[in-house]
Amino acid sequence: MAKSRGFRRKTRSLMTKPRGSRSGPSPDIYLREYKVGEKVQVIIEPSVHKGMPHRRYNGLVGEIVEKRGSGYILRVFQGDKQKEISVMPDHIRPLVVG
């Protein structure tokens, strides 16, 4: 059988929720507004497939570049490369310093 090369491959533990918490994101995620220049962390929400970034960006800190539609464009660094990714608000959290 041929090896799978899909978008969600090698994500069995990354994109699964604990057994008791199989529900969608809370509504306050959709009501939160981010400002341009604000720092956020990419944390993939496995129950929402729309606007999901690639697994290599999970856990990275990025800066909001602009709001595009209902999603956001983030500037993240992958190694020494600067990249811009499109992410829905389900998959980002404000960066908590401290």
Protein backbone atom coordinates (compact mmCIF):
# COMPACT_ATOMS: atom_id res chain seq x y z
CA MET A 1 0.00 0.00 0.00
CA ALA A 2 1.30 3.46 -0.88
CA LYS A 3 2.44 5.82 1.86
CA SER A 4 0.09 8.68 2.71
CA ARG A 5 1.40 12.17 1.97
CA GLY A 6 -1.62 14.17 3.08
CA PHE A 7 -1.80 17.50 4.87
CA ARG A 8 -2.52 15.90 8.27
CA ARG A 9 -0.03 13.04 8.15
CA LYS A 10 2.06 12.30 11.28
CA THR A 11 -0.44 14.17 13.45
CA ARG A 12 -2.07 11.36 15.43
CA SER A 13 -1.12 12.74 18.85
CA LEU A 14 -0.85 16.40 17.82
CA MET A 15 -4.37 16.68 16.45
CA THR A 16 -6.33 14.63 18.96
CA LYS A 17 -8.09 15.87 22.06
CA PRO A 18 -8.27 14.10 25.42
CA ARG A 19 -11.13 11.65 25.58
CA GLY A 20 -13.40 13.64 27.90
CA SER A 21 -13.09 16.98 26.10
CA ARG A 22 -14.32 16.26 22.62
CA SER A 23 -16.15 19.50 22.02
CA GLY A 24 -15.57 22.49 19.83
CA PRO A 25 -13.88 25.73 20.82
CA SER A 26 -15.57 28.14 23.20
CA PRO A 27 -17.49 31.06 21.67
CA ASP A 28 -15.18 33.71 23.14
CA ILE A 29 -12.51 32.67 20.63
CA TYR A 30 -14.68 34.07 17.82
CA LEU A 31 -15.42 37.31 19.69
CA ARG A 32 -11.79 38.19 20.47
CA GLU A 33 -10.25 40.80 18.18
CA TYR A 34 -6.49 41.05 17.59
CA LYS A 35 -4.68 44.25 16.67
CA VAL A 36 -2.03 44.57 13.96
CA GLY A 37 1.40 44.07 15.54
CA GLU A 38 0.09 41.95 18.43
CA LYS A 39 2.05 38.78 19.29
CA VAL A 40 0.10 35.52 19.22
CA GLN A 41 0.92 31.84 19.55
CA VAL A 42 -0.20 29.27 16.99
CA ILE A 43 -2.00 26.42 18.77
CA ILE A 44 -3.94 24.13 16.44
CA GLU A 45 -7.54 23.38 17.44
CA PRO A 46 -8.08 19.83 16.08
CA SER A 47 -11.89 20.00 16.03
CA VAL A 48 -11.90 22.87 13.49
CA HIS A 49 -10.47 22.03 10.07
CA LYS A 50 -11.13 25.37 8.38
CA GLY A 51 -8.14 27.73 8.41
CA MET A 52 -5.86 25.18 10.06
CA PRO A 53 -2.13 25.87 9.59
CA HIS A 54 0.36 23.11 8.81
CA ARG A 55 1.60 21.12 11.80
CA ARG A 56 5.11 22.60 11.49
CA TYR A 57 3.74 25.96 12.70
CA ASN A 58 2.13 24.58 15.87
CA GLY A 59 3.59 26.29 18.94
CA LEU A 60 5.32 29.11 17.06
CA VAL A 61 4.94 32.75 18.06
CA GLY A 62 3.92 35.15 15.31
CA GLU A 63 2.93 38.74 14.77
CA ILE A 64 -0.42 39.82 13.31
CA VAL A 65 0.19 41.49 9.94
CA GLU A 66 -3.42 42.07 8.88
CA LYS A 67 -6.98 40.85 9.21
CA ARG A 68 -8.20 39.21 6.04
CA GLY A 69 -11.85 38.24 6.01
CA SER A 70 -12.56 36.42 9.26
CA GLY A 71 -8.97 35.17 9.54
CA TYR A 72 -5.58 36.72 10.19
CA ILE A 73 -2.25 36.83 8.36
CA LEU A 74 0.65 36.04 10.71
CA ARG A 75 4.36 36.64 10.24
CA VAL A 76 6.34 33.76 11.75
CA PHE A 77 9.97 32.72 11.61
CA GLN A 78 10.83 29.17 10.66
CA GLY A 79 14.52 28.90 11.33
CA ASP A 80 16.01 31.98 9.67
CA LYS A 81 13.18 32.32 7.13
CA GLN A 82 10.32 34.75 7.56
CA LYS A 83 6.95 33.41 6.40
CA GLU A 84 3.39 34.68 6.31
CA ILE A 85 0.61 32.20 7.02
CA SER A 86 -3.15 32.54 6.92
CA VAL A 87 -4.85 31.32 10.09
CA MET A 88 -8.40 31.38 11.45
CA PRO A 89 -8.85 32.73 15.01
CA ASP A 90 -9.62 29.20 16.29
CA HIS A 91 -5.95 28.29 15.95
CA ILE A 92 -4.28 31.28 17.63
CA ARG A 93 -4.05 32.43 21.25
CA PRO A 94 -2.75 35.71 22.67
CA LEU A 95 0.84 35.41 23.87
CA VAL A 96 1.02 35.40 27.67
CA VAL A 97 4.38 36.65 28.93
CA GLY A 98 5.32 35.75 32.45
